[in-house]
Amino acid sequence: MGVIDACDYNEIPPDMYVVDSRMFYKIKLNKDGTINKYKARPECRGFTHVYGDDCDETYAPVTQLVTVRIVIAPCLQFRLVPYLLDVKTAFLNSNLKHVVHVKLPKGVTLAGNVRQSS
């Protein structure tokens, strides 16, 4: 596994909450079933936060059926073709107001050291 070089590595103060993380692995296959490539991604386990202690606001982008009908109705009325727009990464790239401390997953290399246990 490669060395992660995307953030700062600091000692965490004892009174700060640390978000746990883990690695997800996937094998991409060709049409004939042979292995094309191996993929890995780190993922934070933010669901362990406690509202009021660790975070002061939560937001989950959810659309209602009424909103979808309001968007589709003019398309049907004026014979327009609606196109799909995927905006799931809009919330992933937003600026954070607070400092977030994330624990490295098992097996991640950090400047020559390997984290063995949690």
PDB file of N, CA and C in Angstrom:
ATOM      1  N   MET A   1       0.844  -1.168   0.000  1.00  0.00           N
ATOM      2  CA  MET A   1       0.000   0.000   0.000  1.00  0.00           C
ATOM      3  C   MET A   1       0.893   1.236   0.000  1.00  0.00           C
ATOM      4  N   GLY A   2       0.475   2.292  -0.661  1.00  0.00           N
ATOM      5  CA  GLY A   2       1.284   3.487  -0.793  1.00  0.00           C
ATOM      6  C   GLY A   2       1.209   4.391   0.424  1.00  0.00           C
ATOM      7  N   VAL A   3       2.036   5.405   0.419  1.00  0.00           N
ATOM      8  CA  VAL A   3       2.072   6.373   1.510  1.00  0.00           C
ATOM      9  C   VAL A   3       1.047   7.456   1.233  1.00  0.00           C
ATOM     10  N   ILE A   4       0.222   7.767   2.217  1.00  0.00           N
ATOM     11  CA  ILE A   4      -0.770   8.833   2.073  1.00  0.00           C
ATOM     12  C   ILE A   4      -0.071  10.170   2.272  1.00  0.00           C
ATOM     13  N   ASP A   5      -0.282  11.105   1.342  1.00  0.00           N
ATOM     14  CA  ASP A   5       0.411  12.392   1.394  1.00  0.00           C
ATOM     15  C   ASP A   5      -0.572  13.525   1.129  1.00  0.00           C
ATOM     16  N   ALA A   6      -1.747  13.500   1.784  1.00  0.00           N
ATOM     17  CA  ALA A   6      -2.779  14.490   1.478  1.00  0.00           C
ATOM     18  C   ALA A   6      -3.133  15.389   2.654  1.00  0.00           C
ATOM     19  N   CYS A   7      -2.544  15.190   3.814  1.00  0.00           N
ATOM     20  CA  CYS A   7      -2.939  15.993   4.968  1.00  0.00           C
ATOM     21  C   CYS A   7      -1.779  16.106   5.952  1.00  0.00           C
ATOM     22  N   ASP A   8      -2.017  16.868   7.010  1.00  0.00           N
ATOM     23  CA  ASP A   8      -1.012  17.061   8.057  1.00  0.00           C
ATOM     24  C   ASP A   8      -1.151  15.979   9.115  1.00  0.00           C
ATOM     25  N   TYR A   9      -0.027  15.522   9.652  1.00  0.00           N
ATOM     26  CA  TYR A   9      -0.031  14.512  10.701  1.00  0.00           C
ATOM     27  C   TYR A   9       0.447  15.160  11.984  1.00  0.00           C
ATOM     28  N   ASN A  10      -0.441  15.292  12.958  1.00  0.00           N
ATOM     29  CA  ASN A  10      -0.130  15.948  14.219  1.00  0.00           C
ATOM     30  C   ASN A  10      -0.536  15.056  15.377  1.00  0.00           C
ATOM     31  N   GLU A  11       0.031  15.345  16.537  1.00  0.00           N
ATOM     32  CA  GLU A  11      -0.420  14.686  17.750  1.00  0.00           C
ATOM     33  C   GLU A  11      -1.809  15.230  18.109  1.00  0.00           C
ATOM     34  N   ILE A  12      -2.691  14.355  18.514  1.00  0.00           N
ATOM     35  CA  ILE A  12      -4.066  14.758  18.824  1.00  0.00           C
ATOM     36  C   ILE A  12      -4.166  15.084  20.304  1.00  0.00           C
ATOM     37  N   PRO A  13      -4.722  16.264  20.640  1.00  0.00           N
ATOM     38  CA  PRO A  13      -4.913  16.593  22.053  1.00  0.00           C
ATOM     39  C   PRO A  13      -5.848  15.573  22.713  1.00  0.00           C
ATOM     40  N   PRO A  14      -5.639  15.281  23.997  1.00  0.00           N
ATOM     41  CA  PRO A  14      -6.434  14.236  24.662  1.00  0.00           C
ATOM     42  C   PRO A  14      -7.918  14.573  24.780  1.00  0.00           C
ATOM     43  N   ASP A  15      -8.292  15.852  24.735  1.00  0.00           N
ATOM     44  CA  ASP A  15      -9.707  16.201  24.881  1.00  0.00           C
ATOM     45  C   ASP A  15     -10.448  16.260  23.544  1.00  0.00           C
ATOM     46  N   MET A  16      -9.783  15.986  22.432  1.00  0.00           N
ATOM     47  CA  MET A  16     -10.412  16.043  21.112  1.00  0.00           C
ATOM     48  C   MET A  16     -10.983  14.681  20.731  1.00  0.00           C
ATOM     49  N   TYR A  17     -12.115  14.706  20.029  1.00  0.00           N
ATOM     50  CA  TYR A  17     -12.727  13.478  19.531  1.00  0.00           C
ATOM     51  C   TYR A  17     -12.056  13.072  18.222  1.00  0.00           C
ATOM     52  N   VAL A  18     -11.796  11.806  18.045  1.00  0.00           N
ATOM     53  CA  VAL A  18     -11.136  11.296  16.849  1.00  0.00           C
ATOM     54  C   VAL A  18     -12.127  10.440  16.067  1.00  0.00           C
ATOM     55  N   VAL A  19     -12.268  10.745  14.778  1.00  0.00           N
ATOM     56  CA  VAL A  19     -13.142   9.963  13.898  1.00  0.00           C
ATOM     57  C   VAL A  19     -12.363   8.739  13.446  1.00  0.00           C
ATOM     58  N   ASP A  20     -12.961   7.580  13.601  1.00  0.00           N
ATOM     59  CA  ASP A  20     -12.330   6.336  13.180  1.00  0.00           C
ATOM     60  C   ASP A  20     -12.443   6.216  11.661  1.00  0.00           C
ATOM     61  N   SER A  21     -11.559   5.459  11.054  1.00  0.00           N
ATOM     62  CA  SER A  21     -11.617   5.250   9.611  1.00  0.00           C
ATOM     63  C   SER A  21     -11.226   3.814   9.291  1.00  0.00           C
ATOM     64  N   ARG A  22     -11.546   3.409   8.081  1.00  0.00           N
ATOM     65  CA  ARG A  22     -11.163   2.079   7.619  1.00  0.00           C
ATOM     66  C   ARG A  22     -10.974   2.115   6.122  1.00  0.00           C
ATOM     67  N   MET A  23     -10.333   1.099   5.586  1.00  0.00           N
ATOM     68  CA  MET A  23     -10.067   1.006   4.158  1.00  0.00           C
ATOM     69  C   MET A  23     -11.086   0.075   3.515  1.00  0.00           C
ATOM     70  N   PHE A  24     -11.534   0.450   2.326  1.00  0.00           N
ATOM     71  CA  PHE A  24     -12.414  -0.398   1.533  1.00  0.00           C
ATOM     72  C   PHE A  24     -11.661  -0.803   0.279  1.00  0.00           C
ATOM     73  N   TYR A  25     -11.702  -2.073  -0.037  1.00  0.00           N
ATOM     74  CA  TYR A  25     -10.969  -2.612  -1.165  1.00  0.00           C
ATOM     75  C   TYR A  25     -11.949  -3.184  -2.181  1.00  0.00           C
ATOM     76  N   LYS A  26     -11.603  -3.039  -3.468  1.00  0.00           N
ATOM     77  CA  LYS A  26     -12.454  -3.563  -4.529  1.00  0.00           C
ATOM     78  C   LYS A  26     -11.568  -4.056  -5.665  1.00  0.00           C
ATOM     79  N   ILE A  27     -11.978  -5.144  -6.281  1.00  0.00           N
ATOM     80  CA  ILE A  27     -11.271  -5.692  -7.426  1.00  0.00           C
ATOM     81  C   ILE A  27     -12.124  -5.423  -8.662  1.00  0.00           C
ATOM     82  N   LYS A  28     -11.577  -4.680  -9.622  1.00  0.00           N
ATOM     83  CA  LYS A  28     -12.277  -4.395 -10.875  1.00  0.00           C
ATOM     84  C   LYS A  28     -11.931  -5.495 -11.872  1.00  0.00           C
ATOM     85  N   LEU A  29     -12.956  -6.062 -12.490  1.00  0.00           N
ATOM     86  CA  LEU A  29     -12.770  -7.174 -13.417  1.00  0.00           C
ATOM     87  C   LEU A  29     -13.020  -6.739 -14.855  1.00  0.00           C
ATOM     88  N   ASN A  30     -12.383  -7.436 -15.792  1.00  0.00           N
ATOM     89  CA  ASN A  30     -12.667  -7.264 -17.206  1.00  0.00           C
ATOM     90  C   ASN A  30     -13.938  -8.037 -17.559  1.00  0.00           C
ATOM     91  N   LYS A  31     -14.394  -7.908 -18.794  1.00  0.00           N
ATOM     92  CA  LYS A  31     -15.604  -8.612 -19.217  1.00  0.00           C
ATOM     93  C   LYS A  31     -15.444 -10.121 -19.178  1.00  0.00           C
ATOM     94  N   ASP A  32     -14.230 -10.584 -19.385  1.00  0.00           N
ATOM     95  CA  ASP A  32     -13.992 -12.025 -19.378  1.00  0.00           C
ATOM     96  C   ASP A  32     -13.728 -12.577 -17.980  1.00  0.00           C
ATOM     97  N   GLY A  33     -13.759 -11.733 -16.948  1.00  0.00           N
ATOM     98  CA  GLY A  33     -13.592 -12.188 -15.581  1.00  0.00           C
ATOM     99  C   GLY A  33     -12.181 -12.094 -15.040  1.00  0.00           C
ATOM    100  N   THR A  34     -11.235 -11.673 -15.852  1.00  0.00           N
ATOM    101  CA  THR A  34      -9.870 -11.514 -15.364  1.00  0.00           C
ATOM    102  C   THR A  34      -9.748 -10.187 -14.614  1.00  0.00           C
ATOM    103  N   ILE A  35      -8.754 -10.112 -13.747  1.00  0.00           N
ATOM    104  CA  ILE A  35      -8.579  -8.922 -12.911  1.00  0.00           C
ATOM    105  C   ILE A  35      -8.006  -7.785 -13.738  1.00  0.00           C
ATOM    106  N   ASN A  36      -8.686  -6.639 -13.707  1.00  0.00           N
ATOM    107  CA  ASN A  36      -8.233  -5.446 -14.417  1.00  0.00           C
ATOM    108  C   ASN A  36      -7.354  -4.592 -13.504  1.00  0.00           C
ATOM    109  N   LYS A  37      -7.857  -4.260 -12.296  1.00  0.00           N
ATOM    110  CA  LYS A  37      -7.082  -3.468 -11.345  1.00  0.00           C
ATOM    111  C   LYS A  37      -7.657  -3.624  -9.945  1.00  0.00           C
ATOM    112  N   TYR A  38      -6.823  -3.279  -8.976  1.00  0.00           N
ATOM    113  CA  TYR A  38      -7.214  -3.273  -7.575  1.00  0.00           C
ATOM    114  C   TYR A  38      -7.449  -1.828  -7.152  1.00  0.00           C
ATOM    115  N   LYS A  39      -8.527  -1.567  -6.421  1.00  0.00           N
ATOM    116  CA  LYS A  39      -8.817  -0.206  -5.963  1.00  0.00           C
ATOM    117  C   LYS A  39      -8.963  -0.216  -4.448  1.00  0.00           C
ATOM    118  N   ALA A  40      -8.537   0.856  -3.814  1.00  0.00           N
ATOM    119  CA  ALA A  40      -8.660   1.005  -2.365  1.00  0.00           C
ATOM    120  C   ALA A  40      -9.013   2.450  -2.063  1.00  0.00           C
ATOM    121  N   ARG A  41      -9.863   2.649  -1.060  1.00  0.00           N
ATOM    122  CA  ARG A  41     -10.209   4.007  -0.658  1.00  0.00           C
ATOM    123  C   ARG A  41     -10.398   4.057   0.850  1.00  0.00           C
ATOM    124  N   PRO A  42      -9.888   5.093   1.487  1.00  0.00           N
ATOM    125  CA  PRO A  42     -10.146   5.264   2.926  1.00  0.00           C
ATOM    126  C   PRO A  42     -11.509   5.912   3.114  1.00  0.00           C
ATOM    127  N   GLU A  43     -12.192   5.540   4.174  1.00  0.00           N
ATOM    128  CA  GLU A  43     -13.504   6.109   4.457  1.00  0.00           C
ATOM    129  C   GLU A  43     -13.631   6.382   5.944  1.00  0.00           C
ATOM    130  N   CYS A  44     -14.044   7.597   6.273  1.00  0.00           N
ATOM    131  CA  CYS A  44     -14.238   7.977   7.678  1.00  0.00           C
ATOM    132  C   CYS A  44     -15.563   7.444   8.181  1.00  0.00           C
ATOM    133  N   ARG A  45     -15.572   7.065   9.428  1.00  0.00           N
ATOM    134  CA  ARG A  45     -16.792   6.549  10.047  1.00  0.00           C
ATOM    135  C   ARG A  45     -17.419   7.667  10.877  1.00  0.00           C
ATOM    136  N   GLY A  46     -17.978   8.659  10.181  1.00  0.00           N
ATOM    137  CA  GLY A  46     -18.546   9.834  10.830  1.00  0.00           C
ATOM    138  C   GLY A  46     -19.809   9.572  11.611  1.00  0.00           C
ATOM    139  N   PHE A  47     -20.425   8.407  11.421  1.00  0.00           N
ATOM    140  CA  PHE A  47     -21.653   8.091  12.146  1.00  0.00           C
ATOM    141  C   PHE A  47     -21.396   7.871  13.631  1.00  0.00           C
ATOM    142  N   THR A  48     -20.145   7.859  14.048  1.00  0.00           N
ATOM    143  CA  THR A  48     -19.845   7.684  15.467  1.00  0.00           C
ATOM    144  C   THR A  48     -19.905   9.005  16.227  1.00  0.00           C
ATOM    145  N   HIS A  49     -20.110  10.120  15.522  1.00  0.00           N
ATOM    146  CA  HIS A  49     -20.239  11.415  16.194  1.00  0.00           C
ATOM    147  C   HIS A  49     -21.503  11.473  17.034  1.00  0.00           C
ATOM    148  N   VAL A  50     -21.445  12.209  18.116  1.00  0.00           N
ATOM    149  CA  VAL A  50     -22.608  12.429  18.987  1.00  0.00           C
ATOM    150  C   VAL A  50     -23.026  13.887  18.830  1.00  0.00           C
ATOM    151  N   TYR A  51     -24.286  14.115  18.426  1.00  0.00           N
ATOM    152  CA  TYR A  51     -24.781  15.464  18.201  1.00  0.00           C
ATOM    153  C   TYR A  51     -24.722  16.251  19.515  1.00  0.00           C
ATOM    154  N   GLY A  52     -24.141  17.421  19.465  1.00  0.00           N
ATOM    155  CA  GLY A  52     -23.998  18.266  20.645  1.00  0.00           C
ATOM    156  C   GLY A  52     -22.639  18.141  21.303  1.00  0.00           C
ATOM    157  N   ASP A  53     -22.053  16.949  21.273  1.00  0.00           N
ATOM    158  CA  ASP A  53     -20.715  16.756  21.841  1.00  0.00           C
ATOM    159  C   ASP A  53     -19.625  16.967  20.785  1.00  0.00           C
ATOM    160  N   ASP A  54     -19.739  16.230  19.683  1.00  0.00           N
ATOM    161  CA  ASP A  54     -18.709  16.245  18.648  1.00  0.00           C
ATOM    162  C   ASP A  54     -19.045  17.180  17.486  1.00  0.00           C
ATOM    163  N   CYS A  55     -20.316  17.380  17.217  1.00  0.00           N
ATOM    164  CA  CYS A  55     -20.729  18.226  16.103  1.00  0.00           C
ATOM    165  C   CYS A  55     -21.966  19.014  16.521  1.00  0.00           C
ATOM    166  N   ASP A  56     -22.172  20.169  15.870  1.00  0.00           N
ATOM    167  CA  ASP A  56     -23.306  21.003  16.256  1.00  0.00           C
ATOM    168  C   ASP A  56     -24.347  21.134  15.155  1.00  0.00           C
ATOM    169  N   GLU A  57     -24.144  20.466  14.025  1.00  0.00           N
ATOM    170  CA  GLU A  57     -25.146  20.480  12.976  1.00  0.00           C
ATOM    171  C   GLU A  57     -24.991  19.225  12.117  1.00  0.00           C
ATOM    172  N   THR A  58     -26.099  18.789  11.575  1.00  0.00           N
ATOM    173  CA  THR A  58     -26.085  17.658  10.658  1.00  0.00           C
ATOM    174  C   THR A  58     -26.890  18.034   9.433  1.00  0.00           C
ATOM    175  N   TYR A  59     -26.543  17.466   8.299  1.00  0.00           N
ATOM    176  CA  TYR A  59     -27.260  17.751   7.073  1.00  0.00           C
ATOM    177  C   TYR A  59     -27.173  16.540   6.160  1.00  0.00           C
ATOM    178  N   ALA A  60     -28.305  16.131   5.648  1.00  0.00           N
ATOM    179  CA  ALA A  60     -28.359  15.037   4.689  1.00  0.00           C
ATOM    180  C   ALA A  60     -29.206  15.497   3.510  1.00  0.00           C
ATOM    181  N   PRO A  61     -28.619  15.634   2.328  1.00  0.00           N
ATOM    182  CA  PRO A  61     -29.393  16.093   1.181  1.00  0.00           C
ATOM    183  C   PRO A  61     -30.405  15.036   0.738  1.00  0.00           C
ATOM    184  N   VAL A  62     -31.669  15.324   0.948  1.00  0.00           N
ATOM    185  CA  VAL A  62     -32.745  14.403   0.599  1.00  0.00           C
ATOM    186  C   VAL A  62     -33.767  15.168  -0.218  1.00  0.00           C
ATOM    187  N   THR A  63     -34.202  14.592  -1.313  1.00  0.00           N
ATOM    188  CA  THR A  63     -35.230  15.234  -2.121  1.00  0.00           C
ATOM    189  C   THR A  63     -36.578  14.583  -1.851  1.00  0.00           C
ATOM    190  N   GLN A  64     -37.616  15.366  -1.970  1.00  0.00           N
ATOM    191  CA  GLN A  64     -38.966  14.859  -1.766  1.00  0.00           C
ATOM    192  C   GLN A  64     -39.599  14.582  -3.121  1.00  0.00           C
ATOM    193  N   LEU A  65     -40.592  13.710  -3.137  1.00  0.00           N
ATOM    194  CA  LEU A  65     -41.270  13.359  -4.373  1.00  0.00           C
ATOM    195  C   LEU A  65     -41.949  14.580  -4.993  1.00  0.00           C
ATOM    196  N   VAL A  66     -42.460  15.484  -4.169  1.00  0.00           N
ATOM    197  CA  VAL A  66     -43.120  16.694  -4.674  1.00  0.00           C
ATOM    198  C   VAL A  66     -42.127  17.543  -5.474  1.00  0.00           C
ATOM    199  N   THR A  67     -40.896  17.639  -4.997  1.00  0.00           N
ATOM    200  CA  THR A  67     -39.878  18.417  -5.701  1.00  0.00           C
ATOM    201  C   THR A  67     -39.573  17.814  -7.070  1.00  0.00           C
ATOM    202  N   VAL A  68     -39.497  16.511  -7.142  1.00  0.00           N
ATOM    203  CA  VAL A  68     -39.234  15.840  -8.415  1.00  0.00           C
ATOM    204  C   VAL A  68     -40.397  16.095  -9.378  1.00  0.00           C
ATOM    205  N   ARG A  69     -41.620  16.028  -8.895  1.00  0.00           N
ATOM    206  CA  ARG A  69     -42.787  16.288  -9.747  1.00  0.00           C
ATOM    207  C   ARG A  69     -42.804  17.723 -10.269  1.00  0.00           C
ATOM    208  N   ILE A  70     -42.399  18.680  -9.420  1.00  0.00           N
ATOM    209  CA  ILE A  70     -42.376  20.083  -9.835  1.00  0.00           C
ATOM    210  C   ILE A  70     -41.346  20.300 -10.941  1.00  0.00           C
ATOM    211  N   VAL A  71     -40.247  19.575 -10.896  1.00  0.00           N
ATOM    212  CA  VAL A  71     -39.213  19.705 -11.922  1.00  0.00           C
ATOM    213  C   VAL A  71     -39.634  18.997 -13.207  1.00  0.00           C
ATOM    214  N   ILE A  72     -40.273  17.854 -13.104  1.00  0.00           N
ATOM    215  CA  ILE A  72     -40.626  17.064 -14.285  1.00  0.00           C
ATOM    216  C   ILE A  72     -41.875  17.606 -14.997  1.00  0.00           C
ATOM    217  N   ALA A  73     -42.803  18.211 -14.281  1.00  0.00           N
ATOM    218  CA  ALA A  73     -44.054  18.691 -14.884  1.00  0.00           C
ATOM    219  C   ALA A  73     -43.829  19.677 -16.036  1.00  0.00           C
ATOM    220  N   PRO A  74     -42.992  20.714 -15.874  1.00  0.00           N
ATOM    221  CA  PRO A  74     -42.766  21.610 -17.022  1.00  0.00           C
ATOM    222  C   PRO A  74     -42.091  20.905 -18.205  1.00  0.00           C
ATOM    223  N   CYS A  75     -41.267  19.914 -17.916  1.00  0.00           N
ATOM    224  CA  CYS A  75     -40.629  19.154 -18.991  1.00  0.00           C
ATOM    225  C   CYS A  75     -41.678  18.435 -19.835  1.00  0.00           C
ATOM    226  N   LEU A  76     -42.654  17.854 -19.175  1.00  0.00           N
ATOM    227  CA  LEU A  76     -43.719  17.165 -19.898  1.00  0.00           C
ATOM    228  C   LEU A  76     -44.612  18.165 -20.632  1.00  0.00           C
ATOM    229  N   GLN A  77     -44.905  19.282 -19.997  1.00  0.00           N
ATOM    230  CA  GLN A  77     -45.790  20.278 -20.592  1.00  0.00           C
ATOM    231  C   GLN A  77     -45.189  20.894 -21.858  1.00  0.00           C
ATOM    232  N   PHE A  78     -43.888  21.198 -21.838  1.00  0.00           N
ATOM    233  CA  PHE A  78     -43.234  21.844 -22.971  1.00  0.00           C
ATOM    234  C   PHE A  78     -42.447  20.863 -23.842  1.00  0.00           C
ATOM    235  N   ARG A  79     -42.646  19.575 -23.633  1.00  0.00           N
ATOM    236  CA  ARG A  79     -41.973  18.510 -24.389  1.00  0.00           C
ATOM    237  C   ARG A  79     -40.442  18.660 -24.365  1.00  0.00           C
ATOM    238  N   LEU A  80     -39.929  18.909 -23.186  1.00  0.00           N
ATOM    239  CA  LEU A  80     -38.487  19.016 -22.986  1.00  0.00           C
ATOM    240  C   LEU A  80     -37.935  17.679 -22.509  1.00  0.00           C
ATOM    241  N   VAL A  81     -36.674  17.450 -22.770  1.00  0.00           N
ATOM    242  CA  VAL A  81     -36.027  16.212 -22.330  1.00  0.00           C
ATOM    243  C   VAL A  81     -35.189  16.532 -21.101  1.00  0.00           C
ATOM    244  N   PRO A  82     -35.560  15.979 -19.927  1.00  0.00           N
ATOM    245  CA  PRO A  82     -34.739  16.236 -18.730  1.00  0.00           C
ATOM    246  C   PRO A  82     -33.458  15.402 -18.772  1.00  0.00           C
ATOM    247  N   TYR A  83     -32.361  16.007 -18.340  1.00  0.00           N
ATOM    248  CA  TYR A  83     -31.077  15.307 -18.260  1.00  0.00           C
ATOM    249  C   TYR A  83     -30.719  15.090 -16.798  1.00  0.00           C
ATOM    250  N   LEU A  84     -30.047  14.016 -16.535  1.00  0.00           N
ATOM    251  CA  LEU A  84     -29.632  13.678 -15.183  1.00  0.00           C
ATOM    252  C   LEU A  84     -28.376  14.452 -14.822  1.00  0.00           C
ATOM    253  N   LEU A  85     -28.367  15.024 -13.636  1.00  0.00           N
ATOM    254  CA  LEU A  85     -27.199  15.741 -13.133  1.00  0.00           C
ATOM    255  C   LEU A  85     -26.858  15.164 -11.771  1.00  0.00           C
ATOM    256  N   ASP A  86     -25.675  14.624 -11.643  1.00  0.00           N
ATOM    257  CA  ASP A  86     -25.254  13.989 -10.403  1.00  0.00           C
ATOM    258  C   ASP A  86     -24.429  14.985  -9.594  1.00  0.00           C
ATOM    259  N   VAL A  87     -24.920  15.375  -8.436  1.00  0.00           N
ATOM    260  CA  VAL A  87     -24.238  16.363  -7.605  1.00  0.00           C
ATOM    261  C   VAL A  87     -23.825  15.782  -6.259  1.00  0.00           C
ATOM    262  N   LYS A  88     -23.561  14.496  -6.204  1.00  0.00           N
ATOM    263  CA  LYS A  88     -23.231  13.892  -4.921  1.00  0.00           C
ATOM    264  C   LYS A  88     -21.885  14.362  -4.378  1.00  0.00           C
ATOM    265  N   THR A  89     -20.984  14.836  -5.234  1.00  0.00           N
ATOM    266  CA  THR A  89     -19.694  15.302  -4.747  1.00  0.00           C
ATOM    267  C   THR A  89     -19.720  16.761  -4.321  1.00  0.00           C
ATOM    268  N   ALA A  90     -20.828  17.464  -4.511  1.00  0.00           N
ATOM    269  CA  ALA A  90     -20.899  18.875  -4.120  1.00  0.00           C
ATOM    270  C   ALA A  90     -20.734  19.028  -2.607  1.00  0.00           C
ATOM    271  N   PHE A  91     -21.225  18.088  -1.838  1.00  0.00           N
ATOM    272  CA  PHE A  91     -21.127  18.173  -0.383  1.00  0.00           C
ATOM    273  C   PHE A  91     -19.810  17.602   0.128  1.00  0.00           C
ATOM    274  N   LEU A  92     -19.141  16.799  -0.669  1.00  0.00           N
ATOM    275  CA  LEU A  92     -17.865  16.224  -0.247  1.00  0.00           C
ATOM    276  C   LEU A  92     -16.731  17.232  -0.320  1.00  0.00           C
ATOM    277  N   ASN A  93     -16.865  18.232  -1.173  1.00  0.00           N
ATOM    278  CA  ASN A  93     -15.796  19.190  -1.390  1.00  0.00           C
ATOM    279  C   ASN A  93     -16.051  20.532  -0.731  1.00  0.00           C
ATOM    280  N   SER A  94     -16.937  20.586   0.241  1.00  0.00           N
ATOM    281  CA  SER A  94     -17.230  21.855   0.898  1.00  0.00           C
ATOM    282  C   SER A  94     -16.177  22.150   1.972  1.00  0.00           C
ATOM    283  N   ASN A  95     -16.076  23.430   2.346  1.00  0.00           N
ATOM    284  CA  ASN A  95     -15.115  23.841   3.367  1.00  0.00           C
ATOM    285  C   ASN A  95     -15.642  23.488   4.761  1.00  0.00           C
ATOM    286  N   LEU A  96     -14.755  23.020   5.629  1.00  0.00           N
ATOM    287  CA  LEU A  96     -15.131  22.668   6.992  1.00  0.00           C
ATOM    288  C   LEU A  96     -14.893  23.849   7.920  1.00  0.00           C
ATOM    289  N   LYS A  97     -15.761  23.994   8.911  1.00  0.00           N
ATOM    290  CA  LYS A  97     -15.618  25.069   9.888  1.00  0.00           C
ATOM    291  C   LYS A  97     -14.732  24.649  11.056  1.00  0.00           C
ATOM    292  N   HIS A  98     -14.650  23.355  11.317  1.00  0.00           N
ATOM    293  CA  HIS A  98     -13.931  22.837  12.479  1.00  0.00           C
ATOM    294  C   HIS A  98     -12.781  21.951  12.030  1.00  0.00           C
ATOM    295  N   VAL A  99     -11.834  21.764  12.924  1.00  0.00           N
ATOM    296  CA  VAL A  99     -10.739  20.833  12.682  1.00  0.00           C
ATOM    297  C   VAL A  99     -11.249  19.428  12.950  1.00  0.00           C
ATOM    298  N   VAL A 100     -10.983  18.519  12.028  1.00  0.00           N
ATOM    299  CA  VAL A 100     -11.419  17.133  12.166  1.00  0.00           C
ATOM    300  C   VAL A 100     -10.185  16.260  12.305  1.00  0.00           C
ATOM    301  N   HIS A 101     -10.142  15.458  13.357  1.00  0.00           N
ATOM    302  CA  HIS A 101      -9.042  14.525  13.578  1.00  0.00           C
ATOM    303  C   HIS A 101      -9.512  13.135  13.167  1.00  0.00           C
ATOM    304  N   VAL A 102      -8.757  12.509  12.267  1.00  0.00           N
ATOM    305  CA  VAL A 102      -9.126  11.190  11.745  1.00  0.00           C
ATOM    306  C   VAL A 102      -8.017  10.209  12.089  1.00  0.00           C
ATOM    307  N   LYS A 103      -8.406   9.068  12.654  1.00  0.00           N
ATOM    308  CA  LYS A 103      -7.458   8.007  12.984  1.00  0.00           C
ATOM    309  C   LYS A 103      -7.116   7.242  11.704  1.00  0.00           C
ATOM    310  N   LEU A 104      -5.841   6.948  11.506  1.00  0.00           N
ATOM    311  CA  LEU A 104      -5.427   6.204  10.322  1.00  0.00           C
ATOM    312  C   LEU A 104      -5.963   4.778  10.377  1.00  0.00           C
ATOM    313  N   PRO A 105      -6.379   4.222   9.248  1.00  0.00           N
ATOM    314  CA  PRO A 105      -6.839   2.832   9.234  1.00  0.00           C
ATOM    315  C   PRO A 105      -5.681   1.858   9.422  1.00  0.00           C
ATOM    316  N   LYS A 106      -6.014   0.641   9.766  1.00  0.00           N
ATOM    317  CA  LYS A 106      -4.997  -0.402   9.924  1.00  0.00           C
ATOM    318  C   LYS A 106      -4.277  -0.625   8.606  1.00  0.00           C
ATOM    319  N   GLY A 107      -2.963  -0.805   8.663  1.00  0.00           N
ATOM    320  CA  GLY A 107      -2.180  -1.142   7.490  1.00  0.00           C
ATOM    321  C   GLY A 107      -1.763   0.027   6.628  1.00  0.00           C
ATOM    322  N   VAL A 108      -2.113   1.251   6.988  1.00  0.00           N
ATOM    323  CA  VAL A 108      -1.740   2.411   6.188  1.00  0.00           C
ATOM    324  C   VAL A 108      -0.327   2.825   6.538  1.00  0.00           C
ATOM    325  N   THR A 109       0.500   3.045   5.537  1.00  0.00           N
ATOM    326  CA  THR A 109       1.893   3.431   5.714  1.00  0.00           C
ATOM    327  C   THR A 109       1.973   4.928   5.955  1.00  0.00           C
ATOM    328  N   LEU A 110       2.705   5.309   6.982  1.00  0.00           N
ATOM    329  CA  LEU A 110       2.868   6.718   7.314  1.00  0.00           C
ATOM    330  C   LEU A 110       4.345   7.000   7.481  1.00  0.00           C
ATOM    331  N   ALA A 111       4.983   7.494   6.442  1.00  0.00           N
ATOM    332  CA  ALA A 111       6.412   7.849   6.459  1.00  0.00           C
ATOM    333  C   ALA A 111       7.278   6.713   7.002  1.00  0.00           C
ATOM    334  N   GLY A 112       7.057   5.521   6.492  1.00  0.00           N
ATOM    335  CA  GLY A 112       7.879   4.382   6.877  1.00  0.00           C
ATOM    336  C   GLY A 112       7.345   3.577   8.035  1.00  0.00           C
ATOM    337  N   ASN A 113       6.337   4.083   8.752  1.00  0.00           N
ATOM    338  CA  ASN A 113       5.748   3.342   9.860  1.00  0.00           C
ATOM    339  C   ASN A 113       4.423   2.735   9.422  1.00  0.00           C
ATOM    340  N   VAL A 114       4.084   1.575   9.937  1.00  0.00           N
ATOM    341  CA  VAL A 114       2.823   0.923   9.602  1.00  0.00           C
ATOM    342  C   VAL A 114       2.005   0.811  10.873  1.00  0.00           C
ATOM    343  N   ARG A 115       0.749   1.270  10.805  1.00  0.00           N
ATOM    344  CA  ARG A 115      -0.146   1.170  11.959  1.00  0.00           C
ATOM    345  C   ARG A 115      -0.678  -0.250  12.010  1.00  0.00           C
ATOM    346  N   GLN A 116      -0.371  -0.978  13.052  1.00  0.00           N
ATOM    347  CA  GLN A 116      -0.724  -2.396  13.148  1.00  0.00           C
ATOM    348  C   GLN A 116      -2.060  -2.637  13.824  1.00  0.00           C
ATOM    349  N   SER A 117      -2.371  -1.895  14.862  1.00  0.00           N
ATOM    350  CA  SER A 117      -3.611  -2.154  15.609  1.00  0.00           C
ATOM    351  C   SER A 117      -4.313  -0.846  15.894  1.00  0.00           C
ATOM    352  N   SER A 118      -5.587  -0.959  16.320  1.00  0.00           N
ATOM    353  CA  SER A 118      -6.383   0.249  16.585  1.00  0.00           C
ATOM    354  C   SER A 118      -6.220   0.777  17.966  1.00  0.00           C
TER     355      SER A 118
END
